[in-house]
Amino acid sequence: MLDPVARFRRFARAAVTEVGALDHSFLGRGRPLGVARILNAIGHGKTDVGEIRAYLGLDSGLVSRLLRGLEDEGLIETTPHPDDGRRRIASLTRAGEAEFAAYEALSNERAERALARHANADALLAAMDLVASAFGRDQIELVEIDPRAEVARYCLGEYYGELARRFERDFDVRLSADPDAETMVRPRGVFLVAFSDDMPIGCVGLKGTCAEYGEVKRLWVAPAARGLGLAKRLMDRTEAIARELQMPALRLDTNKALPEAIAMYRKSGWTEIDRFNDDPYPDFFFEKRL
């Protein structure tokens, strides 16, 4: 059997080489990768210097030096935060926006070439998603999203597709008790999406059903993000929000084709109850008093 540590280190060396992490001039733009990552973070909306530091996992001294270098090039400006003078905000200048766009185009081209070289690009991407989710597990964010937003519809589409693959008699959302969007928006409920570096990898809805209880709906975690405790995080946050909304209890239903979900509910203090709806798909019904 090959040594797991050796395999990990082989992967790390290959990844460093592939992305050009050791290049003095990353993508031929005259700066090392670290400087380009700072510019990239700002261009993608991370403007608070503290947020940039946390996102990249760099110490404050190094971030300050990199920011000063970008300022000297005329690519960024830093100003005091309007609400807290101890914090600073970084923004791209016009020249910085042009440089950011150049990096984006070159990075996209490099990614396209790398994928084109592989006989099974989908398998390669699936492996990349798995690694990125695992390595970035501590930075996964849970964000409240309008359930009608495009990213929410994407998550729900992935959820419905998985049910169709796993259920014995397929899955048709038109036959399911699909909640109205208004029931999953505050103050009645909420819809949460889990993001890993801006990629949606999970979701859950809290439906304000009635005064006696709310319902947990559409819990989904992307295959690449499973095994990281994300489903439990989504459920814990949902329960916390339900308490904020003063819901006395929560209910949910699920299908026998989802044994991992059933096991998690039982382990997390949910109690099996009688059927409480006429949805044709559930086999199990649970409740949790808050």
C-alpha atoms as a PDB file:
ATOM      1  CA  MET A   1       0.000   0.000   0.000  1.00  0.00           C
ATOM      2  CA  LEU A   2       1.328   3.426  -0.908  1.00  0.00           C
ATOM      3  CA  ASP A   3       2.133   5.712   2.006  1.00  0.00           C
ATOM      4  CA  PRO A   4      -0.749   8.234   2.521  1.00  0.00           C
ATOM      5  CA  VAL A   5       1.677  10.959   3.607  1.00  0.00           C
ATOM      6  CA  ALA A   6       3.771  10.470   0.473  1.00  0.00           C
ATOM      7  CA  ARG A   7       0.636  10.626  -1.680  1.00  0.00           C
ATOM      8  CA  PHE A   8      -0.465  13.846  -0.002  1.00  0.00           C
ATOM      9  CA  ARG A   9       2.951  15.433  -0.524  1.00  0.00           C
ATOM     10  CA  ARG A  10       2.999  14.329  -4.160  1.00  0.00           C
ATOM     11  CA  PHE A  11      -0.343  16.039  -4.675  1.00  0.00           C
ATOM     12  CA  ALA A  12       0.871  19.206  -2.934  1.00  0.00           C
ATOM     13  CA  ARG A  13       3.954  19.412  -5.161  1.00  0.00           C
ATOM     14  CA  ALA A  14       1.882  18.886  -8.301  1.00  0.00           C
ATOM     15  CA  ALA A  15      -0.652  21.529  -7.259  1.00  0.00           C
ATOM     16  CA  VAL A  16       2.065  24.084  -6.469  1.00  0.00           C
ATOM     17  CA  THR A  17       3.646  23.527  -9.863  1.00  0.00           C
ATOM     18  CA  GLU A  18       0.347  23.580 -11.757  1.00  0.00           C
ATOM     19  CA  VAL A  19      -0.836  26.892 -10.313  1.00  0.00           C
ATOM     20  CA  GLY A  20       2.570  28.532 -10.592  1.00  0.00           C
ATOM     21  CA  ALA A  21       2.865  29.234  -6.874  1.00  0.00           C
ATOM     22  CA  LEU A  22       6.671  29.460  -7.057  1.00  0.00           C
ATOM     23  CA  ASP A  23       6.792  31.674 -10.144  1.00  0.00           C
ATOM     24  CA  HIS A  24       8.451  35.028  -9.533  1.00  0.00           C
ATOM     25  CA  SER A  25       6.125  36.461 -12.186  1.00  0.00           C
ATOM     26  CA  PHE A  26       2.736  34.773 -11.708  1.00  0.00           C
ATOM     27  CA  LEU A  27       0.965  34.450 -15.082  1.00  0.00           C
ATOM     28  CA  GLY A  28       3.656  36.664 -16.555  1.00  0.00           C
ATOM     29  CA  ARG A  29       2.348  39.866 -14.907  1.00  0.00           C
ATOM     30  CA  GLY A  30       5.547  40.683 -12.989  1.00  0.00           C
ATOM     31  CA  ARG A  31       4.342  39.832  -9.468  1.00  0.00           C
ATOM     32  CA  PRO A  32       4.488  36.675  -7.322  1.00  0.00           C
ATOM     33  CA  LEU A  33       1.330  34.736  -6.518  1.00  0.00           C
ATOM     34  CA  GLY A  34       0.861  36.280  -3.057  1.00  0.00           C
ATOM     35  CA  VAL A  35       0.514  39.792  -4.474  1.00  0.00           C
ATOM     36  CA  ALA A  36      -1.837  38.571  -7.201  1.00  0.00           C
ATOM     37  CA  ARG A  37      -4.033  36.860  -4.559  1.00  0.00           C
ATOM     38  CA  ILE A  38      -4.391  40.120  -2.657  1.00  0.00           C
ATOM     39  CA  LEU A  39      -5.489  41.874  -5.846  1.00  0.00           C
ATOM     40  CA  ASN A  40      -7.866  39.013  -6.612  1.00  0.00           C
ATOM     41  CA  ALA A  41      -9.474  39.148  -3.170  1.00  0.00           C
ATOM     42  CA  ILE A  42     -10.112  42.881  -3.460  1.00  0.00           C
ATOM     43  CA  GLY A  43     -11.482  42.489  -6.973  1.00  0.00           C
ATOM     44  CA  HIS A  44     -13.918  39.869  -5.739  1.00  0.00           C
ATOM     45  CA  GLY A  45     -15.329  42.156  -3.064  1.00  0.00           C
ATOM     46  CA  LYS A  46     -13.207  41.445  -0.001  1.00  0.00           C
ATOM     47  CA  THR A  47     -12.255  45.022   0.799  1.00  0.00           C
ATOM     48  CA  ASP A  48     -11.850  45.022   4.581  1.00  0.00           C
ATOM     49  CA  VAL A  49      -8.146  44.506   5.291  1.00  0.00           C
ATOM     50  CA  GLY A  50      -8.929  42.244   8.250  1.00  0.00           C
ATOM     51  CA  GLU A  51     -11.226  40.145   6.057  1.00  0.00           C
ATOM     52  CA  ILE A  52      -8.499  39.849   3.404  1.00  0.00           C
ATOM     53  CA  ARG A  53      -5.998  38.717   6.026  1.00  0.00           C
ATOM     54  CA  ALA A  54      -8.364  36.062   7.403  1.00  0.00           C
ATOM     55  CA  TYR A  55      -9.411  34.884   3.937  1.00  0.00           C
ATOM     56  CA  LEU A  56      -5.822  34.323   2.788  1.00  0.00           C
ATOM     57  CA  GLY A  57      -4.529  33.096   6.151  1.00  0.00           C
ATOM     58  CA  LEU A  58      -1.674  35.630   6.219  1.00  0.00           C
ATOM     59  CA  ASP A  59      -0.204  37.565   9.140  1.00  0.00           C
ATOM     60  CA  SER A  60      -0.926  41.267   9.415  1.00  0.00           C
ATOM     61  CA  GLY A  61       2.657  42.354   8.731  1.00  0.00           C
ATOM     62  CA  LEU A  62       2.860  40.503   5.419  1.00  0.00           C
ATOM     63  CA  VAL A  63      -0.560  41.767   4.298  1.00  0.00           C
ATOM     64  CA  SER A  64       0.469  45.333   5.129  1.00  0.00           C
ATOM     65  CA  ARG A  65       3.642  44.997   3.039  1.00  0.00           C
ATOM     66  CA  LEU A  66       1.761  43.511   0.079  1.00  0.00           C
ATOM     67  CA  LEU A  67      -0.875  46.239   0.242  1.00  0.00           C
ATOM     68  CA  ARG A  68       1.788  48.938   0.347  1.00  0.00           C
ATOM     69  CA  GLY A  69       3.389  47.441  -2.745  1.00  0.00           C
ATOM     70  CA  LEU A  70       0.080  47.517  -4.619  1.00  0.00           C
ATOM     71  CA  GLU A  71      -0.480  51.101  -3.480  1.00  0.00           C
ATOM     72  CA  ASP A  72       2.965  52.086  -4.746  1.00  0.00           C
ATOM     73  CA  GLU A  73       2.018  50.608  -8.128  1.00  0.00           C
ATOM     74  CA  GLY A  74      -1.145  52.701  -8.169  1.00  0.00           C
ATOM     75  CA  LEU A  75      -3.374  49.619  -8.270  1.00  0.00           C
ATOM     76  CA  ILE A  76      -5.225  50.066  -4.962  1.00  0.00           C
ATOM     77  CA  GLU A  77      -6.172  52.723  -2.438  1.00  0.00           C
ATOM     78  CA  THR A  78      -6.665  52.166   1.291  1.00  0.00           C
ATOM     79  CA  THR A  79      -8.912  54.379   3.413  1.00  0.00           C
ATOM     80  CA  PRO A  80     -10.274  54.277   6.977  1.00  0.00           C
ATOM     81  CA  HIS A  81     -13.470  52.294   7.471  1.00  0.00           C
ATOM     82  CA  PRO A  82     -16.409  54.744   7.604  1.00  0.00           C
ATOM     83  CA  ASP A  83     -17.716  53.222  10.854  1.00  0.00           C
ATOM     84  CA  ASP A  84     -14.479  52.220  12.595  1.00  0.00           C
ATOM     85  CA  GLY A  85     -11.283  54.225  12.240  1.00  0.00           C
ATOM     86  CA  ARG A  86      -9.217  51.265  13.488  1.00  0.00           C
ATOM     87  CA  ARG A  87     -10.107  49.292  10.365  1.00  0.00           C
ATOM     88  CA  ARG A  88      -9.057  49.976   6.791  1.00  0.00           C
ATOM     89  CA  ILE A  89     -10.756  49.421   3.459  1.00  0.00           C
ATOM     90  CA  ALA A  90      -8.898  48.575   0.230  1.00  0.00           C
ATOM     91  CA  SER A  91     -10.326  49.372  -3.198  1.00  0.00           C
ATOM     92  CA  LEU A  92      -9.076  49.015  -6.755  1.00  0.00           C
ATOM     93  CA  THR A  93      -8.086  52.068  -8.750  1.00  0.00           C
ATOM     94  CA  ARG A  94      -8.913  52.197 -12.449  1.00  0.00           C
ATOM     95  CA  ALA A  95      -5.471  50.737 -13.174  1.00  0.00           C
ATOM     96  CA  GLY A  96      -6.131  48.077 -10.539  1.00  0.00           C
ATOM     97  CA  GLU A  97      -9.411  47.108 -12.165  1.00  0.00           C
ATOM     98  CA  ALA A  98      -7.621  46.641 -15.485  1.00  0.00           C
ATOM     99  CA  GLU A  99      -4.920  44.510 -13.835  1.00  0.00           C
ATOM    100  CA  PHE A 100      -7.543  42.451 -12.017  1.00  0.00           C
ATOM    101  CA  ALA A 101      -9.343  41.828 -15.338  1.00  0.00           C
ATOM    102  CA  ALA A 102      -6.065  40.748 -16.946  1.00  0.00           C
ATOM    103  CA  TYR A 103      -5.396  38.250 -14.151  1.00  0.00           C
ATOM    104  CA  GLU A 104      -8.952  36.909 -14.424  1.00  0.00           C
ATOM    105  CA  ALA A 105      -8.619  36.313 -18.168  1.00  0.00           C
ATOM    106  CA  LEU A 106      -5.224  34.618 -17.827  1.00  0.00           C
ATOM    107  CA  SER A 107      -6.390  32.471 -14.891  1.00  0.00           C
ATOM    108  CA  ASN A 108      -9.434  31.334 -16.841  1.00  0.00           C
ATOM    109  CA  GLU A 109      -7.281  30.437 -19.834  1.00  0.00           C
ATOM    110  CA  ARG A 110      -4.912  28.419 -17.621  1.00  0.00           C
ATOM    111  CA  ALA A 111      -7.846  26.532 -16.086  1.00  0.00           C
ATOM    112  CA  GLU A 112      -9.334  25.766 -19.498  1.00  0.00           C
ATOM    113  CA  ARG A 113      -6.012  24.423 -20.784  1.00  0.00           C
ATOM    114  CA  ALA A 114      -5.517  22.230 -17.722  1.00  0.00           C
ATOM    115  CA  LEU A 115      -8.997  20.738 -18.001  1.00  0.00           C
ATOM    116  CA  ALA A 116      -8.638  20.197 -21.740  1.00  0.00           C
ATOM    117  CA  ARG A 117      -5.531  18.056 -21.163  1.00  0.00           C
ATOM    118  CA  HIS A 118      -7.467  15.538 -19.065  1.00  0.00           C
ATOM    119  CA  ALA A 119      -9.488  12.761 -20.696  1.00  0.00           C
ATOM    120  CA  ASN A 120     -12.206  13.025 -18.025  1.00  0.00           C
ATOM    121  CA  ALA A 121     -12.535  16.666 -17.008  1.00  0.00           C
ATOM    122  CA  ASP A 122     -15.667  15.983 -14.946  1.00  0.00           C
ATOM    123  CA  ALA A 123     -13.831  13.464 -12.762  1.00  0.00           C
ATOM    124  CA  LEU A 124     -10.948  15.896 -12.339  1.00  0.00           C
ATOM    125  CA  LEU A 125     -13.328  18.684 -11.326  1.00  0.00           C
ATOM    126  CA  ALA A 126     -15.108  16.391  -8.855  1.00  0.00           C
ATOM    127  CA  ALA A 127     -11.758  15.586  -7.243  1.00  0.00           C
ATOM    128  CA  MET A 128     -10.889  19.294  -7.116  1.00  0.00           C
ATOM    129  CA  ASP A 129     -14.240  20.097  -5.484  1.00  0.00           C
ATOM    130  CA  LEU A 130     -13.608  17.421  -2.851  1.00  0.00           C
ATOM    131  CA  VAL A 131     -10.145  18.761  -2.036  1.00  0.00           C
ATOM    132  CA  ALA A 132     -11.223  22.421  -2.017  1.00  0.00           C
ATOM    133  CA  SER A 133     -14.148  21.690   0.320  1.00  0.00           C
ATOM    134  CA  ALA A 134     -11.992  19.644   2.694  1.00  0.00           C
ATOM    135  CA  PHE A 135      -9.098  22.105   2.783  1.00  0.00           C
ATOM    136  CA  GLY A 136     -11.443  25.075   3.152  1.00  0.00           C
ATOM    137  CA  ARG A 137     -13.782  23.557   5.744  1.00  0.00           C
ATOM    138  CA  ASP A 138     -12.922  26.172   8.387  1.00  0.00           C
ATOM    139  CA  GLN A 139     -13.936  28.993   6.036  1.00  0.00           C
ATOM    140  CA  ILE A 140     -17.329  27.622   4.989  1.00  0.00           C
ATOM    141  CA  GLU A 141     -19.942  30.337   5.579  1.00  0.00           C
ATOM    142  CA  LEU A 142     -23.679  29.965   6.165  1.00  0.00           C
ATOM    143  CA  VAL A 143     -25.567  32.847   4.576  1.00  0.00           C
ATOM    144  CA  GLU A 144     -29.254  33.755   4.609  1.00  0.00           C
ATOM    145  CA  ILE A 145     -30.481  33.912   1.004  1.00  0.00           C
ATOM    146  CA  ASP A 146     -33.817  34.708  -0.600  1.00  0.00           C
ATOM    147  CA  PRO A 147     -35.146  31.265  -1.673  1.00  0.00           C
ATOM    148  CA  ARG A 148     -36.075  32.795  -5.044  1.00  0.00           C
ATOM    149  CA  ALA A 149     -32.473  33.863  -5.752  1.00  0.00           C
ATOM    150  CA  GLU A 150     -30.512  32.108  -8.483  1.00  0.00           C
ATOM    151  CA  VAL A 151     -28.069  30.483  -6.061  1.00  0.00           C
ATOM    152  CA  ALA A 152     -30.949  29.101  -4.004  1.00  0.00           C
ATOM    153  CA  ARG A 153     -32.601  27.697  -7.130  1.00  0.00           C
ATOM    154  CA  TYR A 154     -29.306  26.051  -8.051  1.00  0.00           C
ATOM    155  CA  CYS A 155     -29.085  24.309  -4.653  1.00  0.00           C
ATOM    156  CA  LEU A 156     -32.712  23.198  -4.841  1.00  0.00           C
ATOM    157  CA  GLY A 157     -32.170  21.856  -8.354  1.00  0.00           C
ATOM    158  CA  GLU A 158     -29.233  19.773  -7.126  1.00  0.00           C
ATOM    159  CA  TYR A 159     -31.331  18.564  -4.187  1.00  0.00           C
ATOM    160  CA  TYR A 160     -34.265  17.546  -6.398  1.00  0.00           C
ATOM    161  CA  GLY A 161     -31.901  15.807  -8.816  1.00  0.00           C
ATOM    162  CA  GLU A 162     -30.373  13.744  -6.040  1.00  0.00           C
ATOM    163  CA  LEU A 163     -33.778  12.693  -4.748  1.00  0.00           C
ATOM    164  CA  ALA A 164     -34.755  11.603  -8.254  1.00  0.00           C
ATOM    165  CA  ARG A 165     -31.642   9.408  -8.417  1.00  0.00           C
ATOM    166  CA  ARG A 166     -32.058   7.877  -4.971  1.00  0.00           C
ATOM    167  CA  PHE A 167     -35.802   7.381  -4.547  1.00  0.00           C
ATOM    168  CA  GLU A 168     -37.260   4.066  -5.631  1.00  0.00           C
ATOM    169  CA  ARG A 169     -40.035   5.705  -7.679  1.00  0.00           C
ATOM    170  CA  ASP A 170     -38.262   8.833  -8.878  1.00  0.00           C
ATOM    171  CA  PHE A 171     -39.120  12.285  -7.508  1.00  0.00           C
ATOM    172  CA  ASP A 172     -41.432  14.917  -8.937  1.00  0.00           C
ATOM    173  CA  VAL A 173     -41.352  18.186  -7.001  1.00  0.00           C
ATOM    174  CA  ARG A 174     -44.825  19.023  -8.308  1.00  0.00           C
ATOM    175  CA  LEU A 175     -46.209  16.160  -6.197  1.00  0.00           C
ATOM    176  CA  SER A 176     -44.280  17.210  -3.099  1.00  0.00           C
ATOM    177  CA  ALA A 177     -45.373  19.707  -0.467  1.00  0.00           C
ATOM    178  CA  ASP A 178     -43.119  22.399  -1.935  1.00  0.00           C
ATOM    179  CA  PRO A 179     -43.141  25.427   0.412  1.00  0.00           C
ATOM    180  CA  ASP A 180     -43.894  28.913  -0.850  1.00  0.00           C
ATOM    181  CA  ALA A 181     -40.878  31.192  -0.853  1.00  0.00           C
ATOM    182  CA  GLU A 182     -42.622  33.622   1.500  1.00  0.00           C
ATOM    183  CA  THR A 183     -42.709  30.961   4.213  1.00  0.00           C
ATOM    184  CA  MET A 184     -38.893  30.733   4.151  1.00  0.00           C
ATOM    185  CA  VAL A 185     -38.179  34.445   4.518  1.00  0.00           C
ATOM    186  CA  ARG A 186     -37.984  36.356   7.791  1.00  0.00           C
ATOM    187  CA  PRO A 187     -39.973  36.877   9.928  1.00  0.00           C
ATOM    188  CA  ARG A 188     -41.722  33.612   9.023  1.00  0.00           C
ATOM    189  CA  GLY A 189     -38.681  31.505   8.230  1.00  0.00           C
ATOM    190  CA  VAL A 190     -35.296  31.520   6.507  1.00  0.00           C
ATOM    191  CA  PHE A 191     -33.293  29.883   3.722  1.00  0.00           C
ATOM    192  CA  LEU A 192     -29.602  29.184   4.362  1.00  0.00           C
ATOM    193  CA  VAL A 193     -26.913  28.474   1.786  1.00  0.00           C
ATOM    194  CA  ALA A 194     -23.437  27.185   2.675  1.00  0.00           C
ATOM    195  CA  PHE A 195     -20.619  28.744   0.658  1.00  0.00           C
ATOM    196  CA  SER A 196     -17.067  27.466   0.235  1.00  0.00           C
ATOM    197  CA  ASP A 197     -15.060  30.327  -1.276  1.00  0.00           C
ATOM    198  CA  ASP A 198     -18.205  31.655  -3.001  1.00  0.00           C
ATOM    199  CA  MET A 199     -19.267  28.209  -4.273  1.00  0.00           C
ATOM    200  CA  PRO A 200     -22.655  26.964  -2.951  1.00  0.00           C
ATOM    201  CA  ILE A 201     -22.203  23.542  -1.366  1.00  0.00           C
ATOM    202  CA  GLY A 202     -25.291  23.111   0.806  1.00  0.00           C
ATOM    203  CA  CYS A 203     -28.652  24.523   1.818  1.00  0.00           C
ATOM    204  CA  VAL A 204     -31.593  24.178   4.169  1.00  0.00           C
ATOM    205  CA  GLY A 205     -34.936  25.915   4.535  1.00  0.00           C
ATOM    206  CA  LEU A 206     -36.916  26.828   7.646  1.00  0.00           C
ATOM    207  CA  LYS A 207     -40.602  27.096   6.840  1.00  0.00           C
ATOM    208  CA  GLY A 208     -42.908  29.083   9.091  1.00  0.00           C
ATOM    209  CA  THR A 209     -45.777  26.596   8.922  1.00  0.00           C
ATOM    210  CA  CYS A 210     -48.044  27.608  11.806  1.00  0.00           C
ATOM    211  CA  ALA A 211     -48.018  28.882  15.375  1.00  0.00           C
ATOM    212  CA  GLU A 212     -47.438  25.380  16.776  1.00  0.00           C
ATOM    213  CA  TYR A 213     -44.318  24.492  14.783  1.00  0.00           C
ATOM    214  CA  GLY A 214     -41.995  25.304  11.913  1.00  0.00           C
ATOM    215  CA  GLU A 215     -40.650  22.828   9.362  1.00  0.00           C
ATOM    216  CA  VAL A 216     -37.129  22.052   8.207  1.00  0.00           C
ATOM    217  CA  LYS A 217     -37.136  21.620   4.444  1.00  0.00           C
ATOM    218  CA  ARG A 218     -34.686  20.879   1.626  1.00  0.00           C
ATOM    219  CA  LEU A 219     -31.566  19.953   3.588  1.00  0.00           C
ATOM    220  CA  TRP A 220     -28.854  19.276   1.001  1.00  0.00           C
ATOM    221  CA  VAL A 221     -25.060  19.002   1.055  1.00  0.00           C
ATOM    222  CA  ALA A 222     -23.008  18.663  -2.126  1.00  0.00           C
ATOM    223  CA  PRO A 223     -21.271  15.274  -2.474  1.00  0.00           C
ATOM    224  CA  ALA A 224     -17.848  16.955  -2.357  1.00  0.00           C
ATOM    225  CA  ALA A 225     -18.657  18.533   1.028  1.00  0.00           C
ATOM    226  CA  ARG A 226     -19.957  15.456   2.826  1.00  0.00           C
ATOM    227  CA  GLY A 227     -18.114  14.129   5.838  1.00  0.00           C
ATOM    228  CA  LEU A 228     -17.258  17.641   7.056  1.00  0.00           C
ATOM    229  CA  GLY A 229     -20.150  18.004   9.511  1.00  0.00           C
ATOM    230  CA  LEU A 230     -21.866  20.554   7.290  1.00  0.00           C
ATOM    231  CA  ALA A 231     -25.354  19.060   7.548  1.00  0.00           C
ATOM    232  CA  LYS A 232     -25.129  19.266  11.345  1.00  0.00           C
ATOM    233  CA  ARG A 233     -23.946  22.889  11.107  1.00  0.00           C
ATOM    234  CA  LEU A 234     -26.888  23.758   8.860  1.00  0.00           C
ATOM    235  CA  MET A 235     -29.323  22.067  11.240  1.00  0.00           C
ATOM    236  CA  ASP A 236     -27.823  23.731  14.316  1.00  0.00           C
ATOM    237  CA  ARG A 237     -28.070  27.174  12.715  1.00  0.00           C
ATOM    238  CA  THR A 238     -31.647  26.445  11.641  1.00  0.00           C
ATOM    239  CA  GLU A 239     -32.608  25.498  15.186  1.00  0.00           C
ATOM    240  CA  ALA A 240     -30.978  28.675  16.529  1.00  0.00           C
ATOM    241  CA  ILE A 241     -32.924  30.836  14.077  1.00  0.00           C
ATOM    242  CA  ALA A 242     -36.141  28.990  14.919  1.00  0.00           C
ATOM    243  CA  ARG A 243     -35.605  29.940  18.559  1.00  0.00           C
ATOM    244  CA  GLU A 244     -35.005  33.567  17.503  1.00  0.00           C
ATOM    245  CA  LEU A 245     -38.329  33.445  15.649  1.00  0.00           C
ATOM    246  CA  GLN A 246     -39.939  31.976  18.793  1.00  0.00           C
ATOM    247  CA  MET A 247     -41.011  28.724  17.199  1.00  0.00           C
ATOM    248  CA  PRO A 248     -41.956  26.268  19.962  1.00  0.00           C
ATOM    249  CA  ALA A 249     -41.072  23.183  17.924  1.00  0.00           C
ATOM    250  CA  LEU A 250     -39.700  21.978  14.610  1.00  0.00           C
ATOM    251  CA  ARG A 251     -40.849  19.136  12.392  1.00  0.00           C
ATOM    252  CA  LEU A 252     -39.455  17.458   9.302  1.00  0.00           C
ATOM    253  CA  ASP A 253     -40.064  14.464   7.078  1.00  0.00           C
ATOM    254  CA  THR A 254     -37.703  12.275   5.107  1.00  0.00           C
ATOM    255  CA  ASN A 255     -37.508   9.203   2.917  1.00  0.00           C
ATOM    256  CA  LYS A 256     -36.056   5.776   3.705  1.00  0.00           C
ATOM    257  CA  ALA A 257     -33.615   6.256   0.815  1.00  0.00           C
ATOM    258  CA  LEU A 258     -31.754   8.824   2.959  1.00  0.00           C
ATOM    259  CA  PRO A 259     -30.491   6.679   5.874  1.00  0.00           C
ATOM    260  CA  GLU A 260     -27.624   9.057   6.719  1.00  0.00           C
ATOM    261  CA  ALA A 261     -30.122  11.891   7.285  1.00  0.00           C
ATOM    262  CA  ILE A 262     -32.347   9.665   9.426  1.00  0.00           C
ATOM    263  CA  ALA A 263     -29.359   8.650  11.560  1.00  0.00           C
ATOM    264  CA  MET A 264     -28.318  12.282  12.041  1.00  0.00           C
ATOM    265  CA  TYR A 265     -31.815  13.339  13.150  1.00  0.00           C
ATOM    266  CA  ARG A 266     -32.041  10.546  15.702  1.00  0.00           C
ATOM    267  CA  LYS A 267     -28.573  11.301  17.024  1.00  0.00           C
ATOM    268  CA  SER A 268     -29.389  15.022  17.291  1.00  0.00           C
ATOM    269  CA  GLY A 269     -32.377  14.635  19.583  1.00  0.00           C
ATOM    270  CA  TRP A 270     -35.228  14.460  17.083  1.00  0.00           C
ATOM    271  CA  THR A 271     -38.168  12.225  18.036  1.00  0.00           C
ATOM    272  CA  GLU A 272     -40.058  10.106  15.518  1.00  0.00           C
ATOM    273  CA  ILE A 273     -43.748  11.040  15.337  1.00  0.00           C
ATOM    274  CA  ASP A 274     -46.863  10.126  13.336  1.00  0.00           C
ATOM    275  CA  ARG A 275     -47.382  11.439   9.828  1.00  0.00           C
ATOM    276  CA  PHE A 276     -48.349  15.136   9.872  1.00  0.00           C
ATOM    277  CA  ASN A 277     -48.783  15.861   6.150  1.00  0.00           C
ATOM    278  CA  ASP A 278     -50.048  14.247   2.960  1.00  0.00           C
ATOM    279  CA  ASP A 279     -46.789  14.490   0.989  1.00  0.00           C
ATOM    280  CA  PRO A 280     -46.488  11.223  -1.005  1.00  0.00           C
ATOM    281  CA  TYR A 281     -42.715  10.798  -0.559  1.00  0.00           C
ATOM    282  CA  PRO A 282     -41.839  10.709   3.182  1.00  0.00           C
ATOM    283  CA  ASP A 283     -41.528   7.479   5.152  1.00  0.00           C
ATOM    284  CA  PHE A 284     -40.360   9.000   8.444  1.00  0.00           C
ATOM    285  CA  PHE A 285     -41.579  12.017  10.420  1.00  0.00           C
ATOM    286  CA  PHE A 286     -39.696  13.755  13.220  1.00  0.00           C
ATOM    287  CA  GLU A 287     -40.208  16.520  15.769  1.00  0.00           C
ATOM    288  CA  LYS A 288     -37.926  18.471  18.090  1.00  0.00           C
ATOM    289  CA  ARG A 289     -39.240  20.633  20.899  1.00  0.00           C
ATOM    290  CA  LEU A 290     -37.367  23.914  21.329  1.00  0.00           C
END
